[in-house]
C-alpha atoms as a PDB file:
ATOM      1  CA  MET A   1      -2.898  -0.450  17.327  1.00  0.00           C
ATOM      2  CA  SER A   2      -1.896  -3.346  15.127  1.00  0.00           C
ATOM      3  CA  ARG A   3      -3.970  -3.977  12.018  1.00  0.00           C
ATOM      4  CA  THR A   4      -4.067  -7.170  10.001  1.00  0.00           C
ATOM      5  CA  ILE A   5      -4.390  -5.802   6.487  1.00  0.00           C
ATOM      6  CA  GLU A   6      -5.968  -8.221   4.018  1.00  0.00           C
ATOM      7  CA  HIS A   7      -4.363  -8.764   0.628  1.00  0.00           C
ATOM      8  CA  ASN A   8      -7.236  -9.271  -1.819  1.00  0.00           C
ATOM      9  CA  VAL A   9      -5.242 -10.825  -4.662  1.00  0.00           C
ATOM     10  CA  ALA A  10      -8.282 -11.212  -6.948  1.00  0.00           C
ATOM     11  CA  ALA A  11      -9.019  -7.471  -6.724  1.00  0.00           C
ATOM     12  CA  SER A  12      -5.314  -6.419  -6.742  1.00  0.00           C
ATOM     13  CA  ARG A  13      -5.649  -4.438  -3.575  1.00  0.00           C
ATOM     14  CA  PHE A  14      -4.980  -4.320   0.141  1.00  0.00           C
ATOM     15  CA  GLU A  15      -7.977  -3.754   2.382  1.00  0.00           C
ATOM     16  CA  TRP A  16      -8.878  -2.722   5.893  1.00  0.00           C
ATOM     17  CA  THR A  17     -12.344  -1.969   7.253  1.00  0.00           C
ATOM     18  CA  GLU A  18     -12.445   0.641  10.016  1.00  0.00           C
ATOM     19  CA  ASP A  19     -15.731   1.379  11.757  1.00  0.00           C
ATOM     20  CA  GLY A  20     -17.545  -0.298   8.838  1.00  0.00           C
ATOM     21  CA  ILE A  21     -15.742   1.840   6.226  1.00  0.00           C
ATOM     22  CA  LEU A  22     -13.577   0.121   3.591  1.00  0.00           C
ATOM     23  CA  CYS A  23     -10.077   1.526   3.095  1.00  0.00           C
ATOM     24  CA  VAL A  24      -7.948   0.306   0.171  1.00  0.00           C
ATOM     25  CA  LEU A  25      -4.621   0.453  -1.597  1.00  0.00           C
ATOM     26  CA  ASP A  26      -4.926  -0.517  -5.279  1.00  0.00           C
ATOM     27  CA  TYR A  27      -2.129  -1.824  -7.441  1.00  0.00           C
ATOM     28  CA  GLU A  28      -1.386  -3.476 -10.772  1.00  0.00           C
ATOM     29  CA  LEU A  29       1.184  -6.207 -11.167  1.00  0.00           C
ATOM     30  CA  GLN A  30       3.201  -5.995 -14.379  1.00  0.00           C
ATOM     31  CA  ASN A  31       5.964  -8.550 -14.790  1.00  0.00           C
ATOM     32  CA  ASP A  32       7.733  -8.312 -11.440  1.00  0.00           C
ATOM     33  CA  ALA A  33       6.677  -4.748 -10.621  1.00  0.00           C
ATOM     34  CA  MET A  34       3.919  -3.661  -8.256  1.00  0.00           C
ATOM     35  CA  ILE A  35       2.501  -0.421  -9.615  1.00  0.00           C
ATOM     36  CA  ILE A  36       0.666   1.277  -6.755  1.00  0.00           C
ATOM     37  CA  THR A  37      -2.086   3.396  -8.272  1.00  0.00           C
ATOM     38  CA  HIS A  38      -4.306   4.579  -5.431  1.00  0.00           C
ATOM     39  CA  THR A  39      -4.693   4.677  -1.679  1.00  0.00           C
ATOM     40  CA  GLY A  40      -8.160   5.470  -0.388  1.00  0.00           C
ATOM     41  CA  VAL A  41      -9.033   6.205   3.219  1.00  0.00           C
ATOM     42  CA  PRO A  42     -12.388   8.001   3.507  1.00  0.00           C
ATOM     43  CA  GLN A  43     -12.405  11.173   5.595  1.00  0.00           C
ATOM     44  CA  PRO A  44     -14.495   9.802   8.502  1.00  0.00           C
ATOM     45  CA  VAL A  45     -11.667   7.376   9.367  1.00  0.00           C
ATOM     46  CA  GLY A  46      -8.743   9.504   8.189  1.00  0.00           C
ATOM     47  CA  GLY A  47      -5.867  10.477  10.438  1.00  0.00           C
ATOM     48  CA  ARG A  48      -5.624   7.087  12.111  1.00  0.00           C
ATOM     49  CA  GLY A  49      -2.554   5.776  10.301  1.00  0.00           C
ATOM     50  CA  ILE A  50      -4.545   3.455   8.064  1.00  0.00           C
ATOM     51  CA  ALA A  51      -2.973   4.617   4.799  1.00  0.00           C
ATOM     52  CA  GLY A  52       0.495   4.073   6.239  1.00  0.00           C
ATOM     53  CA  ASP A  53      -0.439   0.572   7.359  1.00  0.00           C
ATOM     54  CA  LEU A  54      -1.807  -0.196   3.888  1.00  0.00           C
ATOM     55  CA  ALA A  55       1.399   1.113   2.298  1.00  0.00           C
ATOM     56  CA  GLN A  56       3.602  -0.927   4.601  1.00  0.00           C
ATOM     57  CA  ALA A  57       1.582  -4.103   3.947  1.00  0.00           C
ATOM     58  CA  ALA A  58       1.880  -3.601   0.193  1.00  0.00           C
ATOM     59  CA  LEU A  59       5.603  -2.893   0.339  1.00  0.00           C
ATOM     60  CA  ASP A  60       6.261  -5.844   2.641  1.00  0.00           C
ATOM     61  CA  THR A  61       4.385  -8.055   0.174  1.00  0.00           C
ATOM     62  CA  ALA A  62       6.422  -6.679  -2.725  1.00  0.00           C
ATOM     63  CA  ARG A  63       9.649  -7.385  -0.846  1.00  0.00           C
ATOM     64  CA  ALA A  64       8.567 -10.922   0.078  1.00  0.00           C
ATOM     65  CA  ASN A  65       7.792 -11.660  -3.585  1.00  0.00           C
ATOM     66  CA  GLY A  66      10.913 -10.031  -5.007  1.00  0.00           C
ATOM     67  CA  TRP A  67       8.910  -7.347  -6.826  1.00  0.00           C
ATOM     68  CA  SER A  68      10.050  -3.815  -7.487  1.00  0.00           C
ATOM     69  CA  VAL A  69       7.598  -0.982  -6.776  1.00  0.00           C
ATOM     70  CA  ARG A  70       6.418   1.965  -8.854  1.00  0.00           C
ATOM     71  CA  PRO A  71       4.467   4.316  -6.569  1.00  0.00           C
ATOM     72  CA  LEU A  72       2.166   6.266  -8.889  1.00  0.00           C
ATOM     73  CA  CYS A  73       0.055   7.119  -5.851  1.00  0.00           C
ATOM     74  CA  SER A  74       1.385  10.360  -4.358  1.00  0.00           C
ATOM     75  CA  TYR A  75       0.698   9.202  -0.806  1.00  0.00           C
ATOM     76  CA  VAL A  76       2.763   6.024  -1.167  1.00  0.00           C
ATOM     77  CA  ASP A  77       5.520   7.931  -2.962  1.00  0.00           C
ATOM     78  CA  ALA A  78       5.769  10.334  -0.008  1.00  0.00           C
ATOM     79  CA  TRP A  79       5.510   7.463   2.509  1.00  0.00           C
ATOM     80  CA  ILE A  80       8.467   5.695   0.911  1.00  0.00           C
ATOM     81  CA  ARG A  81      10.533   8.903   1.069  1.00  0.00           C
ATOM     82  CA  ARG A  82       9.807   9.075   4.821  1.00  0.00           C
ATOM     83  CA  HIS A  83      10.780   5.392   5.288  1.00  0.00           C
ATOM     84  CA  PRO A  84      14.216   4.900   3.720  1.00  0.00           C
ATOM     85  CA  GLU A  85      14.190   1.176   4.548  1.00  0.00           C
ATOM     86  CA  TYR A  86      11.755   0.738   1.621  1.00  0.00           C
ATOM     87  CA  GLN A  87      13.514   2.929  -0.948  1.00  0.00           C
ATOM     88  CA  ASP A  88      15.449  -0.021  -2.364  1.00  0.00           C
ATOM     89  CA  LEU A  89      12.156  -1.406  -3.722  1.00  0.00           C
ATOM     90  CA  VAL A  90      11.487   1.570  -5.982  1.00  0.00           C
ATOM     91  CA  ALA A  91      12.008   0.731  -9.658  1.00  0.00           C
ATOM     92  CA  ASN A  92      14.323   3.022 -11.558  1.00  0.00           C
END
C-alpha cells in the first residue's frame, strides 16, 4: 500500500491517519540539520509499516532540502541502519 504522508511544516512533523488514528514523526530543524525526536504509531495500527513510511518521508525531505539528519528517535536510528541508502544523511 502506498501512503501519501503529509509534512506539517508548522508543527514540525510528518503525519498519517490510519483508521482515524493519527501517527506522527516529530522533528526539530536546527540550521541545516533535521533532528528526529519521536515516531509515534499507536498500538491499534502498529505493525502496518507506518513508522517506516514516516521515516522514509522525513529522510526524503531532508535529502531534497540538503539537510543532514540526527536520529535521536531509536526507531529512525534503527531504520536508517537497515536502509544503507540513507546513511549518508546522518550527521557526524
